[in-house]
Amino acid sequence: MVIKQKAALVKLKYLILQAKSANQLSAIIIDYTHEEMIQVYGQLTSEQQRKIKLIWQKCKN
């Protein structure tokens, strides 16, 4: 079970880093729990986190 969970988090991290739009991020969020999202986001470098924040900010404008 733990290996399966780790694999899911690796996949989630990959998907987040590949996202180019807020719509893509939204689609990813639907498939994962809040806890999983927070856990993976915390594993990202500050540069990667900035990229995700910029994608969300573009959505608001």
C-alpha atoms as a PDB file:
ATOM      1  CA  MET A   1       0.000   0.000   0.000  1.00  0.00           C
ATOM      2  CA  VAL A   2       2.809   2.439   0.868  1.00  0.00           C
ATOM      3  CA  ILE A   3       4.571   1.810  -2.462  1.00  0.00           C
ATOM      4  CA  LYS A   4       1.331   2.442  -4.345  1.00  0.00           C
ATOM      5  CA  GLN A   5       0.813   5.668  -2.406  1.00  0.00           C
ATOM      6  CA  LYS A   6       4.372   6.848  -3.151  1.00  0.00           C
ATOM      7  CA  ALA A   7       3.902   6.061  -6.829  1.00  0.00           C
ATOM      8  CA  ALA A   8       0.717   8.142  -6.860  1.00  0.00           C
ATOM      9  CA  LEU A   9       2.589  11.079  -5.319  1.00  0.00           C
ATOM     10  CA  VAL A  10       5.392  10.787  -7.877  1.00  0.00           C
ATOM     11  CA  LYS A  11       2.774  10.836 -10.635  1.00  0.00           C
ATOM     12  CA  LEU A  12       1.058  13.829  -9.036  1.00  0.00           C
ATOM     13  CA  LYS A  13       4.331  15.752  -8.852  1.00  0.00           C
ATOM     14  CA  TYR A  14       5.000  14.988 -12.520  1.00  0.00           C
ATOM     15  CA  LEU A  15       1.519  16.148 -13.531  1.00  0.00           C
ATOM     16  CA  ILE A  16       1.783  19.380 -11.535  1.00  0.00           C
ATOM     17  CA  LEU A  17       5.131  20.218 -13.080  1.00  0.00           C
ATOM     18  CA  GLN A  18       3.790  19.557 -16.594  1.00  0.00           C
ATOM     19  CA  ALA A  19       0.714  21.783 -16.145  1.00  0.00           C
ATOM     20  CA  LYS A  20       0.640  24.883 -18.328  1.00  0.00           C
ATOM     21  CA  SER A  21      -2.752  26.311 -17.340  1.00  0.00           C
ATOM     22  CA  ALA A  22      -5.085  26.724 -14.400  1.00  0.00           C
ATOM     23  CA  ASN A  23      -7.537  24.389 -16.161  1.00  0.00           C
ATOM     24  CA  GLN A  24      -4.911  21.658 -16.236  1.00  0.00           C
ATOM     25  CA  LEU A  25      -4.144  22.208 -12.547  1.00  0.00           C
ATOM     26  CA  SER A  26      -7.855  22.096 -11.734  1.00  0.00           C
ATOM     27  CA  ALA A  27      -8.223  18.786 -13.538  1.00  0.00           C
ATOM     28  CA  ILE A  28      -5.307  17.374 -11.540  1.00  0.00           C
ATOM     29  CA  ILE A  29      -6.725  18.615  -8.245  1.00  0.00           C
ATOM     30  CA  ILE A  30      -9.968  16.726  -8.818  1.00  0.00           C
ATOM     31  CA  ASP A  31      -8.141  13.388  -8.825  1.00  0.00           C
ATOM     32  CA  TYR A  32      -6.138  13.909  -5.618  1.00  0.00           C
ATOM     33  CA  THR A  33      -6.872  14.737  -1.990  1.00  0.00           C
ATOM     34  CA  HIS A  34      -5.984  18.035  -0.379  1.00  0.00           C
ATOM     35  CA  GLU A  35      -3.416  16.247   1.764  1.00  0.00           C
ATOM     36  CA  GLU A  36      -1.714  14.762  -1.300  1.00  0.00           C
ATOM     37  CA  MET A  37      -1.643  18.140  -3.037  1.00  0.00           C
ATOM     38  CA  ILE A  38      -0.110  19.874  -0.007  1.00  0.00           C
ATOM     39  CA  GLN A  39       2.427  17.097   0.468  1.00  0.00           C
ATOM     40  CA  VAL A  40       3.624  17.244  -3.135  1.00  0.00           C
ATOM     41  CA  TYR A  41       3.570  21.050  -3.296  1.00  0.00           C
ATOM     42  CA  GLY A  42       5.816  21.083  -0.233  1.00  0.00           C
ATOM     43  CA  GLN A  43       8.305  18.867  -2.069  1.00  0.00           C
ATOM     44  CA  LEU A  44       8.638  21.321  -4.954  1.00  0.00           C
ATOM     45  CA  THR A  45      11.546  23.727  -5.132  1.00  0.00           C
ATOM     46  CA  SER A  46      10.774  27.394  -4.576  1.00  0.00           C
ATOM     47  CA  GLU A  47      11.198  27.946  -8.326  1.00  0.00           C
ATOM     48  CA  GLN A  48       8.663  25.209  -9.090  1.00  0.00           C
ATOM     49  CA  GLN A  49       6.244  26.658  -6.521  1.00  0.00           C
ATOM     50  CA  ARG A  50       6.574  30.106  -8.151  1.00  0.00           C
ATOM     51  CA  LYS A  51       5.709  28.557 -11.514  1.00  0.00           C
ATOM     52  CA  ILE A  52       2.518  27.061 -10.081  1.00  0.00           C
ATOM     53  CA  LYS A  53       1.587  30.352  -8.385  1.00  0.00           C
ATOM     54  CA  LEU A  54       2.066  32.236 -11.666  1.00  0.00           C
ATOM     55  CA  ILE A  55      -0.251  29.823 -13.456  1.00  0.00           C
ATOM     56  CA  TRP A  56      -2.957  30.449 -10.836  1.00  0.00           C
ATOM     57  CA  GLN A  57      -2.420  34.234 -10.922  1.00  0.00           C
ATOM     58  CA  LYS A  58      -2.877  34.276 -14.707  1.00  0.00           C
ATOM     59  CA  CYS A  59      -6.232  32.598 -14.165  1.00  0.00           C
ATOM     60  CA  LYS A  60      -7.400  35.437 -11.886  1.00  0.00           C
ATOM     61  CA  ASN A  61      -6.525  38.181 -14.393  1.00  0.00           C
END
